[in-house]
């Protein structure tokens, strides 16, 4: 693999300053996103309850909730590792709502 930086070496694992180069295939993702469809949420308090429970899961960095008070709300969870479906369902159940779907 060659690059456009002007170096003359292909497949060089270390650059001129001694920095380690890792190809995309070998790199570890910095975060995972999980989208959760949730029914039963109708207000800001519902959003706060779900957010609080999901943030307690190990590795969770951020929770964004799009409230649909008339239907299915969506929570997008960013985490350092893939979350187990059972832990997600447990957290949403603890908050008092129903998981309709989980897309990791």
PDB file of N, CA and C in Angstrom:
ATOM      1  N   UNK A   1       0.849  -1.172   0.000  1.00  0.00           N
ATOM      2  CA  UNK A   1       0.000   0.000   0.000  1.00  0.00           C
ATOM      3  C   UNK A   1       0.890   1.229   0.000  1.00  0.00           C
ATOM      4  N   UNK A   2       0.614   2.172  -0.870  1.00  0.00           N
ATOM      5  CA  UNK A   2       1.401   3.396  -0.906  1.00  0.00           C
ATOM      6  C   UNK A   2       0.516   4.570  -0.527  1.00  0.00           C
ATOM      7  N   UNK A   3       1.143   5.636  -0.108  1.00  0.00           N
ATOM      8  CA  UNK A   3       0.381   6.806   0.297  1.00  0.00           C
ATOM      9  C   UNK A   3       0.839   8.020  -0.497  1.00  0.00           C
ATOM     10  N   UNK A   4       0.228   9.146  -0.264  1.00  0.00           N
ATOM     11  CA  UNK A   4       0.526  10.371  -0.993  1.00  0.00           C
ATOM     12  C   UNK A   4       1.408  11.332  -0.215  1.00  0.00           C
ATOM     13  N   UNK A   5       2.020  10.887   0.876  1.00  0.00           N
ATOM     14  CA  UNK A   5       2.775  11.812   1.719  1.00  0.00           C
ATOM     15  C   UNK A   5       4.199  12.038   1.231  1.00  0.00           C
ATOM     16  N   UNK A   6       4.650  11.251   0.263  1.00  0.00           N
ATOM     17  CA  UNK A   6       5.990  11.436  -0.265  1.00  0.00           C
ATOM     18  C   UNK A   6       7.010  10.447   0.254  1.00  0.00           C
ATOM     19  N   UNK A   7       6.627   9.559   1.167  1.00  0.00           N
ATOM     20  CA  UNK A   7       7.579   8.564   1.644  1.00  0.00           C
ATOM     21  C   UNK A   7       7.816   7.544   0.534  1.00  0.00           C
ATOM     22  N   UNK A   8       8.936   6.893   0.563  1.00  0.00           N
ATOM     23  CA  UNK A   8       9.261   5.966  -0.518  1.00  0.00           C
ATOM     24  C   UNK A   8       9.058   4.512  -0.128  1.00  0.00           C
ATOM     25  N   UNK A   9       8.648   4.266   1.089  1.00  0.00           N
ATOM     26  CA  UNK A   9       8.531   2.895   1.564  1.00  0.00           C
ATOM     27  C   UNK A   9       7.093   2.424   1.543  1.00  0.00           C
ATOM     28  N   UNK A  10       6.831   1.259   0.963  1.00  0.00           N
ATOM     29  CA  UNK A  10       5.510   0.651   1.003  1.00  0.00           C
ATOM     30  C   UNK A  10       5.458  -0.344   2.149  1.00  0.00           C
ATOM     31  N   UNK A  11       4.281  -0.489   2.754  1.00  0.00           N
ATOM     32  CA  UNK A  11       4.060  -1.436   3.853  1.00  0.00           C
ATOM     33  C   UNK A  11       5.010  -1.201   5.020  1.00  0.00           C
ATOM     34  N   UNK A  12       5.400   0.040   5.237  1.00  0.00           N
ATOM     35  CA  UNK A  12       6.281   0.391   6.339  1.00  0.00           C
ATOM     36  C   UNK A  12       5.447   0.495   7.609  1.00  0.00           C
ATOM     37  N   UNK A  13       5.786  -0.288   8.613  1.00  0.00           N
ATOM     38  CA  UNK A  13       5.009  -0.315   9.854  1.00  0.00           C
ATOM     39  C   UNK A  13       5.316   0.860  10.771  1.00  0.00           C
ATOM     40  N   UNK A  14       6.398   1.591  10.517  1.00  0.00           N
ATOM     41  CA  UNK A  14       6.780   2.723  11.331  1.00  0.00           C
ATOM     42  C   UNK A  14       7.167   3.873  10.415  1.00  0.00           C
ATOM     43  N   UNK A  15       6.708   5.086  10.715  1.00  0.00           N
ATOM     44  CA  UNK A  15       7.069   6.211   9.862  1.00  0.00           C
ATOM     45  C   UNK A  15       8.405   6.812  10.311  1.00  0.00           C
ATOM     46  N   UNK A  16       8.822   7.892   9.658  1.00  0.00           N
ATOM     47  CA  UNK A  16      10.133   8.494   9.901  1.00  0.00           C
ATOM     48  C   UNK A  16      10.306   9.007  11.327  1.00  0.00           C
ATOM     49  N   UNK A  17       9.237   9.392  11.991  1.00  0.00           N
ATOM     50  CA  UNK A  17       9.335   9.891  13.367  1.00  0.00           C
ATOM     51  C   UNK A  17       9.178   8.775  14.392  1.00  0.00           C
ATOM     52  N   UNK A  18       9.095   7.528  13.963  1.00  0.00           N
ATOM     53  CA  UNK A  18       8.973   6.411  14.882  1.00  0.00           C
ATOM     54  C   UNK A  18       7.548   6.133  15.335  1.00  0.00           C
ATOM     55  N   UNK A  19       6.568   6.739  14.672  1.00  0.00           N
ATOM     56  CA  UNK A  19       5.173   6.508  15.036  1.00  0.00           C
ATOM     57  C   UNK A  19       4.706   5.183  14.455  1.00  0.00           C
ATOM     58  N   UNK A  20       3.966   4.422  15.233  1.00  0.00           N
ATOM     59  CA  UNK A  20       3.423   3.146  14.770  1.00  0.00           C
ATOM     60  C   UNK A  20       2.233   3.407  13.858  1.00  0.00           C
ATOM     61  N   UNK A  21       2.211   2.754  12.715  1.00  0.00           N
ATOM     62  CA  UNK A  21       1.123   2.907  11.760  1.00  0.00           C
ATOM     63  C   UNK A  21       0.256   1.662  11.825  1.00  0.00           C
ATOM     64  N   UNK A  22      -1.049   1.856  12.011  1.00  0.00           N
ATOM     65  CA  UNK A  22      -1.985   0.747  12.063  1.00  0.00           C
ATOM     66  C   UNK A  22      -2.989   0.917  10.931  1.00  0.00           C
ATOM     67  N   UNK A  23      -3.142  -0.089  10.101  1.00  0.00           N
ATOM     68  CA  UNK A  23      -4.095  -0.016   9.007  1.00  0.00           C
ATOM     69  C   UNK A  23      -5.512  -0.110   9.555  1.00  0.00           C
ATOM     70  N   UNK A  24      -6.486   0.356   8.795  1.00  0.00           N
ATOM     71  CA  UNK A  24      -7.879   0.370   9.223  1.00  0.00           C
ATOM     72  C   UNK A  24      -8.365  -1.025   9.605  1.00  0.00           C
ATOM     73  N   UNK A  25      -7.955  -2.063   8.874  1.00  0.00           N
ATOM     74  CA  UNK A  25      -8.405  -3.414   9.171  1.00  0.00           C
ATOM     75  C   UNK A  25      -7.956  -3.878  10.559  1.00  0.00           C
ATOM     76  N   UNK A  26      -6.833  -3.367  11.043  1.00  0.00           N
ATOM     77  CA  UNK A  26      -6.291  -3.785  12.329  1.00  0.00           C
ATOM     78  C   UNK A  26      -6.724  -2.880  13.475  1.00  0.00           C
ATOM     79  N   UNK A  27      -7.217  -1.711  13.153  1.00  0.00           N
ATOM     80  CA  UNK A  27      -7.570  -0.732  14.180  1.00  0.00           C
ATOM     81  C   UNK A  27      -8.813  -1.175  14.955  1.00  0.00           C
ATOM     82  N   UNK A  28      -8.839  -0.859  16.229  1.00  0.00           N
ATOM     83  CA  UNK A  28      -9.978  -1.140  17.086  1.00  0.00           C
ATOM     84  C   UNK A  28     -10.916   0.061  17.050  1.00  0.00           C
ATOM     85  N   UNK A  29     -12.201  -0.145  16.802  1.00  0.00           N
ATOM     86  CA  UNK A  29     -13.113   1.003  16.791  1.00  0.00           C
ATOM     87  C   UNK A  29     -13.137   1.691  18.149  1.00  0.00           C
ATOM     88  N   UNK A  30     -13.238   3.007  18.122  1.00  0.00           N
ATOM     89  CA  UNK A  30     -13.254   3.774  19.363  1.00  0.00           C
ATOM     90  C   UNK A  30     -14.591   3.682  20.076  1.00  0.00           C
ATOM     91  N   UNK A  31     -15.654   3.443  19.309  1.00  0.00           N
ATOM     92  CA  UNK A  31     -16.956   3.344  19.943  1.00  0.00           C
ATOM     93  C   UNK A  31     -17.919   2.529  19.088  1.00  0.00           C
ATOM     94  N   UNK A  32     -18.956   2.062  19.725  1.00  0.00           N
ATOM     95  CA  UNK A  32     -20.032   1.315  19.082  1.00  0.00           C
ATOM     96  C   UNK A  32     -21.307   2.100  19.264  1.00  0.00           C
ATOM     97  N   UNK A  33     -22.209   1.994  18.297  1.00  0.00           N
ATOM     98  CA  UNK A  33     -23.511   2.628  18.437  1.00  0.00           C
ATOM     99  C   UNK A  33     -24.598   1.570  18.375  1.00  0.00           C
ATOM    100  N   UNK A  34     -25.547   1.699  19.272  1.00  0.00           N
ATOM    101  CA  UNK A  34     -26.689   0.800  19.336  1.00  0.00           C
ATOM    102  C   UNK A  34     -27.948   1.651  19.302  1.00  0.00           C
ATOM    103  N   UNK A  35     -28.849   1.287  18.403  1.00  0.00           N
ATOM    104  CA  UNK A  35     -30.120   1.996  18.303  1.00  0.00           C
ATOM    105  C   UNK A  35     -31.211   1.129  18.914  1.00  0.00           C
ATOM    106  N   UNK A  36     -31.974   1.717  19.820  1.00  0.00           N
ATOM    107  CA  UNK A  36     -33.007   0.981  20.544  1.00  0.00           C
ATOM    108  C   UNK A  36     -34.350   1.658  20.302  1.00  0.00           C
ATOM    109  N   UNK A  37     -35.314   0.887  19.850  1.00  0.00           N
ATOM    110  CA  UNK A  37     -36.688   1.379  19.672  1.00  0.00           C
ATOM    111  C   UNK A  37     -37.455   1.047  20.944  1.00  0.00           C
ATOM    112  N   UNK A  38     -38.111   2.072  21.521  1.00  0.00           N
ATOM    113  CA  UNK A  38     -38.746   1.939  22.832  1.00  0.00           C
ATOM    114  C   UNK A  38     -40.175   2.463  22.771  1.00  0.00           C
ATOM    115  N   UNK A  39     -41.116   1.683  23.309  1.00  0.00           N
ATOM    116  CA  UNK A  39     -42.501   2.150  23.376  1.00  0.00           C
ATOM    117  C   UNK A  39     -42.865   2.526  24.812  1.00  0.00           C
ATOM    118  N   UNK A  40     -43.883   3.394  24.929  1.00  0.00           N
ATOM    119  CA  UNK A  40     -44.395   3.778  26.241  1.00  0.00           C
ATOM    120  C   UNK A  40     -43.871   5.105  26.756  1.00  0.00           C
ATOM    121  N   UNK A  41     -42.945   5.730  26.052  1.00  0.00           N
ATOM    122  CA  UNK A  41     -42.391   7.002  26.504  1.00  0.00           C
ATOM    123  C   UNK A  41     -43.267   8.149  26.008  1.00  0.00           C
ATOM    124  N   UNK A  42     -43.609   9.086  26.909  1.00  0.00           N
ATOM    125  CA  UNK A  42     -44.509  10.177  26.518  1.00  0.00           C
ATOM    126  C   UNK A  42     -44.023  11.581  26.891  1.00  0.00           C
ATOM    127  N   UNK A  43     -42.945  11.689  27.678  1.00  0.00           N
ATOM    128  CA  UNK A  43     -42.535  13.022  28.141  1.00  0.00           C
ATOM    129  C   UNK A  43     -41.035  13.081  28.453  1.00  0.00           C
ATOM    130  N   UNK A  44     -40.601  14.251  28.856  1.00  0.00           N
ATOM    131  CA  UNK A  44     -39.203  14.459  29.215  1.00  0.00           C
ATOM    132  C   UNK A  44     -38.755  13.620  30.400  1.00  0.00           C
ATOM    133  N   UNK A  45     -39.656  13.355  31.335  1.00  0.00           N
ATOM    134  CA  UNK A  45     -39.313  12.510  32.476  1.00  0.00           C
ATOM    135  C   UNK A  45     -39.004  11.094  32.004  1.00  0.00           C
ATOM    136  N   UNK A  46     -39.763  10.614  31.020  1.00  0.00           N
ATOM    137  CA  UNK A  46     -39.510   9.291  30.434  1.00  0.00           C
ATOM    138  C   UNK A  46     -38.105   9.247  29.826  1.00  0.00           C
ATOM    139  N   UNK A  47     -37.767  10.294  29.095  1.00  0.00           N
ATOM    140  CA  UNK A  47     -36.440  10.386  28.469  1.00  0.00           C
ATOM    141  C   UNK A  47     -35.358  10.352  29.536  1.00  0.00           C
ATOM    142  N   UNK A  48     -35.540  11.120  30.616  1.00  0.00           N
ATOM    143  CA  UNK A  48     -34.558  11.163  31.694  1.00  0.00           C
ATOM    144  C   UNK A  48     -34.392   9.803  32.357  1.00  0.00           C
ATOM    145  N   UNK A  49     -35.504   9.096  32.562  1.00  0.00           N
ATOM    146  CA  UNK A  49     -35.446   7.774  33.207  1.00  0.00           C
ATOM    147  C   UNK A  49     -34.687   6.771  32.345  1.00  0.00           C
ATOM    148  N   UNK A  50     -35.003   6.732  31.062  1.00  0.00           N
ATOM    149  CA  UNK A  50     -34.333   5.804  30.148  1.00  0.00           C
ATOM    150  C   UNK A  50     -32.857   6.155  30.033  1.00  0.00           C
ATOM    151  N   UNK A  51     -32.561   7.439  29.895  1.00  0.00           N
ATOM    152  CA  UNK A  51     -31.162   7.885  29.783  1.00  0.00           C
ATOM    153  C   UNK A  51     -30.370   7.482  31.015  1.00  0.00           C
ATOM    154  N   UNK A  52     -30.924   7.696  32.181  1.00  0.00           N
ATOM    155  CA  UNK A  52     -30.252   7.354  33.440  1.00  0.00           C
ATOM    156  C   UNK A  52     -29.941   5.860  33.522  1.00  0.00           C
ATOM    157  N   UNK A  53     -30.923   5.035  33.189  1.00  0.00           N
ATOM    158  CA  UNK A  53     -30.717   3.576  33.260  1.00  0.00           C
ATOM    159  C   UNK A  53     -29.676   3.104  32.243  1.00  0.00           C
ATOM    160  N   UNK A  54     -29.735   3.629  31.027  1.00  0.00           N
ATOM    161  CA  UNK A  54     -28.775   3.199  30.002  1.00  0.00           C
ATOM    162  C   UNK A  54     -27.353   3.664  30.325  1.00  0.00           C
ATOM    163  N   UNK A  55     -27.218   4.841  30.916  1.00  0.00           N
ATOM    164  CA  UNK A  55     -25.883   5.353  31.270  1.00  0.00           C
ATOM    165  C   UNK A  55     -25.217   4.528  32.370  1.00  0.00           C
ATOM    166  N   UNK A  56     -25.994   3.759  33.104  1.00  0.00           N
ATOM    167  CA  UNK A  56     -25.433   2.907  34.153  1.00  0.00           C
ATOM    168  C   UNK A  56     -24.796   1.634  33.591  1.00  0.00           C
ATOM    169  N   UNK A  57     -25.064   1.307  32.325  1.00  0.00           N
ATOM    170  CA  UNK A  57     -24.451   0.117  31.720  1.00  0.00           C
ATOM    171  C   UNK A  57     -22.961   0.348  31.505  1.00  0.00           C
ATOM    172  N   UNK A  58     -22.173  -0.682  31.747  1.00  0.00           N
ATOM    173  CA  UNK A  58     -20.713  -0.586  31.620  1.00  0.00           C
ATOM    174  C   UNK A  58     -20.308  -0.194  30.201  1.00  0.00           C
ATOM    175  N   UNK A  59     -19.464   0.817  30.095  1.00  0.00           N
ATOM    176  CA  UNK A  59     -18.916   1.236  28.810  1.00  0.00           C
ATOM    177  C   UNK A  59     -19.722   2.281  28.070  1.00  0.00           C
ATOM    178  N   UNK A  60     -20.901   2.639  28.593  1.00  0.00           N
ATOM    179  CA  UNK A  60     -21.731   3.625  27.901  1.00  0.00           C
ATOM    180  C   UNK A  60     -21.106   5.006  28.038  1.00  0.00           C
ATOM    181  N   UNK A  61     -20.929   5.657  26.888  1.00  0.00           N
ATOM    182  CA  UNK A  61     -20.339   6.988  26.854  1.00  0.00           C
ATOM    183  C   UNK A  61     -21.389   8.079  26.691  1.00  0.00           C
ATOM    184  N   UNK A  62     -22.438   7.783  25.905  1.00  0.00           N
ATOM    185  CA  UNK A  62     -23.446   8.798  25.615  1.00  0.00           C
ATOM    186  C   UNK A  62     -24.773   8.126  25.276  1.00  0.00           C
ATOM    187  N   UNK A  63     -25.855   8.819  25.617  1.00  0.00           N
ATOM    188  CA  UNK A  63     -27.205   8.355  25.275  1.00  0.00           C
ATOM    189  C   UNK A  63     -27.964   9.549  24.705  1.00  0.00           C
ATOM    190  N   UNK A  64     -28.507   9.374  23.500  1.00  0.00           N
ATOM    191  CA  UNK A  64     -29.368  10.383  22.879  1.00  0.00           C
ATOM    192  C   UNK A  64     -30.729   9.745  22.653  1.00  0.00           C
ATOM    193  N   UNK A  65     -31.786  10.437  23.077  1.00  0.00           N
ATOM    194  CA  UNK A  65     -33.133   9.899  22.921  1.00  0.00           C
ATOM    195  C   UNK A  65     -33.963  10.864  22.082  1.00  0.00           C
ATOM    196  N   UNK A  66     -34.597  10.313  21.053  1.00  0.00           N
ATOM    197  CA  UNK A  66     -35.539  11.055  20.229  1.00  0.00           C
ATOM    198  C   UNK A  66     -36.934  10.602  20.636  1.00  0.00           C
ATOM    199  N   UNK A  67     -37.642  11.473  21.332  1.00  0.00           N
ATOM    200  CA  UNK A  67     -38.955  11.146  21.880  1.00  0.00           C
ATOM    201  C   UNK A  67     -40.034  11.238  20.805  1.00  0.00           C
ATOM    202  N   UNK A  68     -40.829  10.200  20.706  1.00  0.00           N
ATOM    203  CA  UNK A  68     -42.044  10.197  19.889  1.00  0.00           C
ATOM    204  C   UNK A  68     -43.179   9.837  20.845  1.00  0.00           C
ATOM    205  N   UNK A  69     -43.802  10.858  21.412  1.00  0.00           N
ATOM    206  CA  UNK A  69     -44.820  10.655  22.450  1.00  0.00           C
ATOM    207  C   UNK A  69     -46.048   9.913  21.927  1.00  0.00           C
ATOM    208  N   UNK A  70     -46.222   9.861  20.628  1.00  0.00           N
ATOM    209  CA  UNK A  70     -47.367   9.190  20.030  1.00  0.00           C
ATOM    210  C   UNK A  70     -47.044   7.775  19.546  1.00  0.00           C
ATOM    211  N   UNK A  71     -45.779   7.365  19.645  1.00  0.00           N
ATOM    212  CA  UNK A  71     -45.424   6.054  19.100  1.00  0.00           C
ATOM    213  C   UNK A  71     -44.154   5.474  19.680  1.00  0.00           C
ATOM    214  N   UNK A  72     -43.221   5.131  18.783  1.00  0.00           N
ATOM    215  CA  UNK A  72     -41.977   4.461  19.174  1.00  0.00           C
ATOM    216  C   UNK A  72     -40.840   5.472  19.225  1.00  0.00           C
ATOM    217  N   UNK A  73     -40.231   5.628  20.398  1.00  0.00           N
ATOM    218  CA  UNK A  73     -39.080   6.519  20.576  1.00  0.00           C
ATOM    219  C   UNK A  73     -37.802   5.767  20.224  1.00  0.00           C
ATOM    220  N   UNK A  74     -36.739   6.530  19.951  1.00  0.00           N
ATOM    221  CA  UNK A  74     -35.461   5.932  19.582  1.00  0.00           C
ATOM    222  C   UNK A  74     -34.356   6.426  20.501  1.00  0.00           C
ATOM    223  N   UNK A  75     -33.629   5.490  21.104  1.00  0.00           N
ATOM    224  CA  UNK A  75     -32.447   5.828  21.906  1.00  0.00           C
ATOM    225  C   UNK A  75     -31.220   5.353  21.134  1.00  0.00           C
ATOM    226  N   UNK A  76     -30.247   6.233  20.975  1.00  0.00           N
ATOM    227  CA  UNK A  76     -28.975   5.876  20.354  1.00  0.00           C
ATOM    228  C   UNK A  76     -27.924   5.902  21.449  1.00  0.00           C
ATOM    229  N   UNK A  77     -27.296   4.746  21.678  1.00  0.00           N
ATOM    230  CA  UNK A  77     -26.323   4.598  22.752  1.00  0.00           C
ATOM    231  C   UNK A  77     -24.938   4.431  22.136  1.00  0.00           C
ATOM    232  N   UNK A  78     -23.998   5.263  22.562  1.00  0.00           N
ATOM    233  CA  UNK A  78     -22.608   5.149  22.155  1.00  0.00           C
ATOM    234  C   UNK A  78     -21.845   4.529  23.316  1.00  0.00           C
ATOM    235  N   UNK A  79     -21.083   3.467  23.023  1.00  0.00           N
ATOM    236  CA  UNK A  79     -20.374   2.750  24.086  1.00  0.00           C
ATOM    237  C   UNK A  79     -19.000   2.302  23.602  1.00  0.00           C
ATOM    238  N   UNK A  80     -18.143   1.975  24.560  1.00  0.00           N
ATOM    239  CA  UNK A  80     -16.786   1.532  24.228  1.00  0.00           C
ATOM    240  C   UNK A  80     -16.751   0.099  23.745  1.00  0.00           C
ATOM    241  N   UNK A  81     -17.793  -0.662  24.024  1.00  0.00           N
ATOM    242  CA  UNK A  81     -17.880  -2.060  23.593  1.00  0.00           C
ATOM    243  C   UNK A  81     -19.329  -2.362  23.241  1.00  0.00           C
ATOM    244  N   UNK A  82     -19.536  -3.452  22.537  1.00  0.00           N
ATOM    245  CA  UNK A  82     -20.889  -3.857  22.178  1.00  0.00           C
ATOM    246  C   UNK A  82     -21.658  -4.206  23.456  1.00  0.00           C
ATOM    247  N   UNK A  83     -22.882  -3.698  23.554  1.00  0.00           N
ATOM    248  CA  UNK A  83     -23.725  -3.962  24.711  1.00  0.00           C
ATOM    249  C   UNK A  83     -24.533  -5.232  24.478  1.00  0.00           C
ATOM    250  N   UNK A  84     -24.749  -5.987  25.529  1.00  0.00           N
ATOM    251  CA  UNK A  84     -25.547  -7.200  25.384  1.00  0.00           C
ATOM    252  C   UNK A  84     -27.026  -6.824  25.317  1.00  0.00           C
ATOM    253  N   UNK A  85     -27.762  -7.585  24.518  1.00  0.00           N
ATOM    254  CA  UNK A  85     -29.192  -7.337  24.373  1.00  0.00           C
ATOM    255  C   UNK A  85     -29.906  -7.486  25.712  1.00  0.00           C
ATOM    256  N   UNK A  86     -29.477  -8.464  26.504  1.00  0.00           N
ATOM    257  CA  UNK A  86     -30.145  -8.682  27.795  1.00  0.00           C
ATOM    258  C   UNK A  86     -29.930  -7.505  28.745  1.00  0.00           C
ATOM    259  N   UNK A  87     -28.739  -6.907  28.751  1.00  0.00           N
ATOM    260  CA  UNK A  87     -28.499  -5.767  29.647  1.00  0.00           C
ATOM    261  C   UNK A  87     -29.291  -4.543  29.199  1.00  0.00           C
ATOM    262  N   UNK A  88     -29.441  -4.373  27.887  1.00  0.00           N
ATOM    263  CA  UNK A  88     -30.240  -3.257  27.366  1.00  0.00           C
ATOM    264  C   UNK A  88     -31.704  -3.442  27.760  1.00  0.00           C
ATOM    265  N   UNK A  89     -32.221  -4.653  27.531  1.00  0.00           N
ATOM    266  CA  UNK A  89     -33.621  -4.928  27.863  1.00  0.00           C
ATOM    267  C   UNK A  89     -33.877  -4.755  29.365  1.00  0.00           C
ATOM    268  N   UNK A  90     -32.939  -5.184  30.172  1.00  0.00           N
ATOM    269  CA  UNK A  90     -33.064  -5.052  31.625  1.00  0.00           C
ATOM    270  C   UNK A  90     -33.113  -3.582  32.042  1.00  0.00           C
ATOM    271  N   UNK A  91     -32.251  -2.759  31.444  1.00  0.00           N
ATOM    272  CA  UNK A  91     -32.205  -1.334  31.782  1.00  0.00           C
ATOM    273  C   UNK A  91     -33.495  -0.624  31.384  1.00  0.00           C
ATOM    274  N   UNK A  92     -33.994  -0.919  30.185  1.00  0.00           N
ATOM    275  CA  UNK A  92     -35.233  -0.287  29.721  1.00  0.00           C
ATOM    276  C   UNK A  92     -36.419  -0.756  30.569  1.00  0.00           C
ATOM    277  N   UNK A  93     -36.432  -2.037  30.907  1.00  0.00           N
ATOM    278  CA  UNK A  93     -37.487  -2.580  31.766  1.00  0.00           C
ATOM    279  C   UNK A  93     -37.455  -1.913  33.141  1.00  0.00           C
ATOM    280  N   UNK A  94     -36.265  -1.717  33.676  1.00  0.00           N
ATOM    281  CA  UNK A  94     -36.097  -1.062  34.992  1.00  0.00           C
ATOM    282  C   UNK A  94     -36.660   0.361  34.957  1.00  0.00           C
ATOM    283  N   UNK A  95     -36.509   1.029  33.803  1.00  0.00           N
ATOM    284  CA  UNK A  95     -37.041   2.386  33.662  1.00  0.00           C
ATOM    285  C   UNK A  95     -38.570   2.368  33.500  1.00  0.00           C
ATOM    286  N   UNK A  96     -39.146   1.188  33.162  1.00  0.00           N
ATOM    287  CA  UNK A  96     -40.583   1.073  33.062  1.00  0.00           C
ATOM    288  C   UNK A  96     -41.132   1.096  31.648  1.00  0.00           C
ATOM    289  N   UNK A  97     -40.289   0.819  30.656  1.00  0.00           N
ATOM    290  CA  UNK A  97     -40.717   0.891  29.262  1.00  0.00           C
ATOM    291  C   UNK A  97     -40.443  -0.408  28.549  1.00  0.00           C
ATOM    292  N   UNK A  98     -40.832  -0.502  27.270  1.00  0.00           N
ATOM    293  CA  UNK A  98     -40.731  -1.740  26.511  1.00  0.00           C
ATOM    294  C   UNK A  98     -39.804  -1.580  25.315  1.00  0.00           C
ATOM    295  N   UNK A  99     -38.849  -2.489  25.172  1.00  0.00           N
ATOM    296  CA  UNK A  99     -37.970  -2.510  24.010  1.00  0.00           C
ATOM    297  C   UNK A  99     -38.733  -3.140  22.855  1.00  0.00           C
ATOM    298  N   UNK A 100     -38.810  -2.441  21.741  1.00  0.00           N
ATOM    299  CA  UNK A 100     -39.457  -2.960  20.538  1.00  0.00           C
ATOM    300  C   UNK A 100     -38.442  -3.574  19.585  1.00  0.00           C
ATOM    301  N   UNK A 101     -37.219  -2.993  19.535  1.00  0.00           N
ATOM    302  CA  UNK A 101     -36.168  -3.520  18.642  1.00  0.00           C
ATOM    303  C   UNK A 101     -34.816  -2.976  19.094  1.00  0.00           C
ATOM    304  N   UNK A 102     -33.763  -3.763  18.809  1.00  0.00           N
ATOM    305  CA  UNK A 102     -32.386  -3.345  19.083  1.00  0.00           C
ATOM    306  C   UNK A 102     -31.571  -3.560  17.808  1.00  0.00           C
ATOM    307  N   UNK A 103     -30.931  -2.505  17.336  1.00  0.00           N
ATOM    308  CA  UNK A 103     -30.076  -2.580  16.152  1.00  0.00           C
ATOM    309  C   UNK A 103     -28.671  -2.156  16.538  1.00  0.00           C
ATOM    310  N   UNK A 104     -27.760  -3.106  16.550  1.00  0.00           N
ATOM    311  CA  UNK A 104     -26.373  -2.789  16.922  1.00  0.00           C
ATOM    312  C   UNK A 104     -25.533  -2.538  15.699  1.00  0.00           C
TER     313      UNK A 104
END
